[in-house]
Amino acid sequence: MDQPQRAYVELSTPHITARAGVSVTPAGLLAIGTMVSMILAGSAAIVVAARQPRPGVPRLSARRGSPRSRR
């Protein structure tokens, strides 16, 4: 569990060549996966909350402030 895993990538175009490498232990990979999962779960909760109308605030149209028709 304490041996780091290594990965390397090289991207080449006619103008530039980029090389990158990463070394991470299985425990570190688990921590990164947990962090990404929490970010995605938090983002989903924010989107759901943003789609719900605020309580006690009437919905008005942009034209002369008239209430929106119910569909």
N, C-alpha and C. Protein backbone atom coordinates (compact mmCIF):
# COMPACT_ATOMS: atom_id res chain seq x y z
N MET A 1 0.81 -1.21 0.00
CA MET A 1 0.00 0.00 0.00
C MET A 1 0.85 1.27 0.00
N ASP A 2 2.12 1.14 0.30
CA ASP A 2 2.94 2.36 0.39
C ASP A 2 3.84 2.57 -0.82
N GLN A 3 3.77 1.68 -1.80
CA GLN A 3 4.57 1.84 -3.02
C GLN A 3 3.87 2.79 -3.98
N PRO A 4 4.52 3.88 -4.38
CA PRO A 4 3.87 4.82 -5.30
C PRO A 4 3.74 4.24 -6.70
N GLN A 5 2.65 4.58 -7.34
CA GLN A 5 2.43 4.24 -8.74
C GLN A 5 2.83 5.45 -9.57
N ARG A 6 3.42 5.20 -10.73
CA ARG A 6 3.89 6.30 -11.57
C ARG A 6 3.23 6.24 -12.93
N ALA A 7 2.96 7.42 -13.48
CA ALA A 7 2.40 7.52 -14.83
C ALA A 7 3.08 8.70 -15.52
N TYR A 8 3.31 8.55 -16.81
CA TYR A 8 3.95 9.59 -17.61
C TYR A 8 3.15 9.80 -18.88
N VAL A 9 3.17 11.01 -19.37
CA VAL A 9 2.49 11.33 -20.63
C VAL A 9 3.35 12.32 -21.40
N GLU A 10 3.32 12.18 -22.71
CA GLU A 10 4.04 13.12 -23.57
C GLU A 10 3.12 13.50 -24.73
N LEU A 11 2.93 14.80 -24.92
CA LEU A 11 2.12 15.31 -26.02
C LEU A 11 3.02 16.13 -26.93
N SER A 12 2.93 15.85 -28.22
CA SER A 12 3.77 16.56 -29.18
C SER A 12 2.91 17.15 -30.29
N THR A 13 3.22 18.39 -30.62
CA THR A 13 2.64 19.05 -31.77
C THR A 13 3.80 19.61 -32.59
N PRO A 14 3.53 20.12 -33.77
CA PRO A 14 4.64 20.70 -34.54
C PRO A 14 5.31 21.88 -33.83
N HIS A 15 4.60 22.54 -32.92
CA HIS A 15 5.14 23.74 -32.27
C HIS A 15 5.71 23.49 -30.88
N ILE A 16 5.20 22.49 -30.17
CA ILE A 16 5.61 22.31 -28.77
C ILE A 16 5.53 20.83 -28.39
N THR A 17 6.36 20.46 -27.45
CA THR A 17 6.32 19.12 -26.86
C THR A 17 6.19 19.30 -25.35
N ALA A 18 5.21 18.60 -24.77
CA ALA A 18 4.99 18.70 -23.32
C ALA A 18 5.10 17.30 -22.71
N ARG A 19 5.81 17.23 -21.60
CA ARG A 19 5.96 15.98 -20.87
C ARG A 19 5.52 16.21 -19.43
N ALA A 20 4.84 15.20 -18.88
CA ALA A 20 4.40 15.29 -17.48
C ALA A 20 4.48 13.91 -16.85
N GLY A 21 4.71 13.90 -15.57
CA GLY A 21 4.75 12.66 -14.82
C GLY A 21 4.12 12.87 -13.45
N VAL A 22 3.54 11.81 -12.92
CA VAL A 22 2.91 11.89 -11.61
C VAL A 22 3.23 10.61 -10.84
N SER A 23 3.38 10.75 -9.56
CA SER A 23 3.64 9.62 -8.68
C SER A 23 2.70 9.73 -7.49
N VAL A 24 1.90 8.70 -7.26
CA VAL A 24 0.92 8.75 -6.17
C VAL A 24 0.78 7.36 -5.54
N THR A 25 0.60 7.35 -4.23
CA THR A 25 0.40 6.10 -3.52
C THR A 25 -1.08 5.72 -3.60
N PRO A 26 -1.44 4.47 -3.37
CA PRO A 26 -2.84 4.09 -3.36
C PRO A 26 -3.68 4.89 -2.35
N ALA A 27 -3.10 5.21 -1.20
CA ALA A 27 -3.81 6.01 -0.21
C ALA A 27 -4.07 7.42 -0.74
N GLY A 28 -3.08 7.97 -1.44
CA GLY A 28 -3.25 9.29 -2.04
C GLY A 28 -4.30 9.27 -3.13
N LEU A 29 -4.32 8.21 -3.94
CA LEU A 29 -5.33 8.07 -4.99
C LEU A 29 -6.72 7.97 -4.39
N LEU A 30 -6.86 7.26 -3.29
CA LEU A 30 -8.15 7.17 -2.60
C LEU A 30 -8.58 8.54 -2.09
N ALA A 31 -7.65 9.31 -1.55
CA ALA A 31 -7.97 10.65 -1.06
C ALA A 31 -8.39 11.57 -2.21
N ILE A 32 -7.71 11.49 -3.34
CA ILE A 32 -8.08 12.30 -4.50
C ILE A 32 -9.46 11.92 -5.00
N GLY A 33 -9.75 10.62 -5.08
CA GLY A 33 -11.07 10.16 -5.51
C GLY A 33 -12.18 10.63 -4.58
N THR A 34 -11.93 10.60 -3.29
CA THR A 34 -12.91 11.08 -2.30
C THR A 34 -13.15 12.57 -2.47
N MET A 35 -12.09 13.33 -2.68
CA MET A 35 -12.22 14.77 -2.86
C MET A 35 -13.05 15.09 -4.11
N VAL A 36 -12.78 14.42 -5.20
CA VAL A 36 -13.53 14.66 -6.44
C VAL A 36 -15.00 14.29 -6.24
N SER A 37 -15.28 13.18 -5.55
CA SER A 37 -16.66 12.77 -5.29
C SER A 37 -17.40 13.81 -4.47
N MET A 38 -16.75 14.37 -3.46
CA MET A 38 -17.39 15.39 -2.63
C MET A 38 -17.65 16.67 -3.42
N ILE A 39 -16.75 17.03 -4.30
CA ILE A 39 -16.96 18.22 -5.14
C ILE A 39 -18.17 18.00 -6.04
N LEU A 40 -18.28 16.83 -6.66
CA LEU A 40 -19.42 16.54 -7.53
C LEU A 40 -20.73 16.50 -6.76
N ALA A 41 -20.73 15.91 -5.57
CA ALA A 41 -21.94 15.86 -4.76
C ALA A 41 -22.35 17.27 -4.32
N GLY A 42 -21.39 18.10 -3.95
CA GLY A 42 -21.69 19.47 -3.55
C GLY A 42 -22.22 20.29 -4.71
N SER A 43 -21.65 20.08 -5.89
CA SER A 43 -22.13 20.81 -7.07
C SER A 43 -23.56 20.43 -7.40
N ALA A 44 -23.90 19.16 -7.28
CA ALA A 44 -25.27 18.72 -7.56
C ALA A 44 -26.25 19.36 -6.58
N ALA A 45 -25.88 19.47 -5.32
CA ALA A 45 -26.75 20.09 -4.32
C ALA A 45 -26.95 21.58 -4.62
N ILE A 46 -25.91 22.25 -5.07
CA ILE A 46 -26.01 23.67 -5.40
C ILE A 46 -26.94 23.87 -6.59
N VAL A 47 -26.83 23.01 -7.60
CA VAL A 47 -27.69 23.12 -8.78
C VAL A 47 -29.15 22.90 -8.41
N VAL A 48 -29.43 21.91 -7.58
CA VAL A 48 -30.81 21.65 -7.15
C VAL A 48 -31.35 22.84 -6.36
N ALA A 49 -30.56 23.39 -5.47
CA ALA A 49 -31.01 24.53 -4.66
C ALA A 49 -31.23 25.77 -5.54
N ALA A 50 -30.41 25.96 -6.54
CA ALA A 50 -30.53 27.14 -7.40
C ALA A 50 -31.77 27.06 -8.29
N ARG A 51 -32.24 25.87 -8.59
CA ARG A 51 -33.41 25.73 -9.47
C ARG A 51 -34.73 25.93 -8.74
N GLN A 52 -34.72 25.85 -7.43
CA GLN A 52 -35.95 26.01 -6.66
C GLN A 52 -36.23 27.49 -6.42
N PRO A 53 -37.51 27.91 -6.57
CA PRO A 53 -37.82 29.32 -6.32
C PRO A 53 -37.67 29.65 -4.84
N ARG A 54 -37.31 30.89 -4.57
CA ARG A 54 -37.17 31.33 -3.18
C ARG A 54 -38.56 31.46 -2.56
N PRO A 55 -38.74 31.02 -1.34
CA PRO A 55 -40.06 31.12 -0.70
C PRO A 55 -40.40 32.57 -0.37
N GLY A 56 -41.66 32.93 -0.59
CA GLY A 56 -42.14 34.26 -0.23
C GLY A 56 -41.82 35.34 -1.23
N VAL A 57 -41.20 35.02 -2.35
CA VAL A 57 -40.87 36.02 -3.37
C VAL A 57 -41.74 35.74 -4.59
N PRO A 58 -42.65 36.67 -4.94
CA PRO A 58 -43.49 36.42 -6.10
C PRO A 58 -42.67 36.43 -7.39
N ARG A 59 -43.03 35.56 -8.31
CA ARG A 59 -42.33 35.52 -9.59
C ARG A 59 -42.95 36.56 -10.51
N LEU A 60 -42.14 37.49 -10.98
CA LEU A 60 -42.61 38.56 -11.84
C LEU A 60 -41.97 38.43 -13.20
N SER A 61 -42.73 38.82 -14.22
CA SER A 61 -42.15 38.83 -15.56
C SER A 61 -41.38 40.14 -15.76
N ALA A 62 -40.58 40.18 -16.78
CA ALA A 62 -39.79 41.38 -17.06
C ALA A 62 -40.64 42.49 -17.64
N ARG A 63 -41.82 42.16 -18.15
CA ARG A 63 -42.67 43.15 -18.79
C ARG A 63 -43.65 43.74 -17.78
N ARG A 64 -43.46 44.98 -17.40
CA ARG A 64 -44.32 45.76 -16.52
C ARG A 64 -44.55 45.12 -15.14
N GLY A 65 -43.70 44.19 -14.73
CA GLY A 65 -43.80 43.64 -13.39
C GLY A 65 -45.03 42.81 -13.15
N SER A 66 -45.68 42.30 -14.18
CA SER A 66 -46.89 41.51 -13.98
C SER A 66 -46.51 40.09 -13.56
N PRO A 67 -47.35 39.48 -12.72
CA PRO A 67 -47.05 38.10 -12.29
C PRO A 67 -47.05 37.15 -13.50
N ARG A 68 -46.22 36.17 -13.45
CA ARG A 68 -46.17 35.19 -14.54
C ARG A 68 -47.41 34.32 -14.49
N SER A 69 -47.87 33.93 -15.65
CA SER A 69 -49.03 33.05 -15.70
C SER A 69 -48.61 31.65 -15.28
N ARG A 70 -49.50 30.99 -14.60
CA ARG A 70 -49.23 29.62 -14.15
C ARG A 70 -49.46 28.67 -15.32
N ARG A 71 -48.57 27.74 -15.49
CA ARG A 71 -48.71 26.78 -16.59
C ARG A 71 -49.13 25.46 -16.08
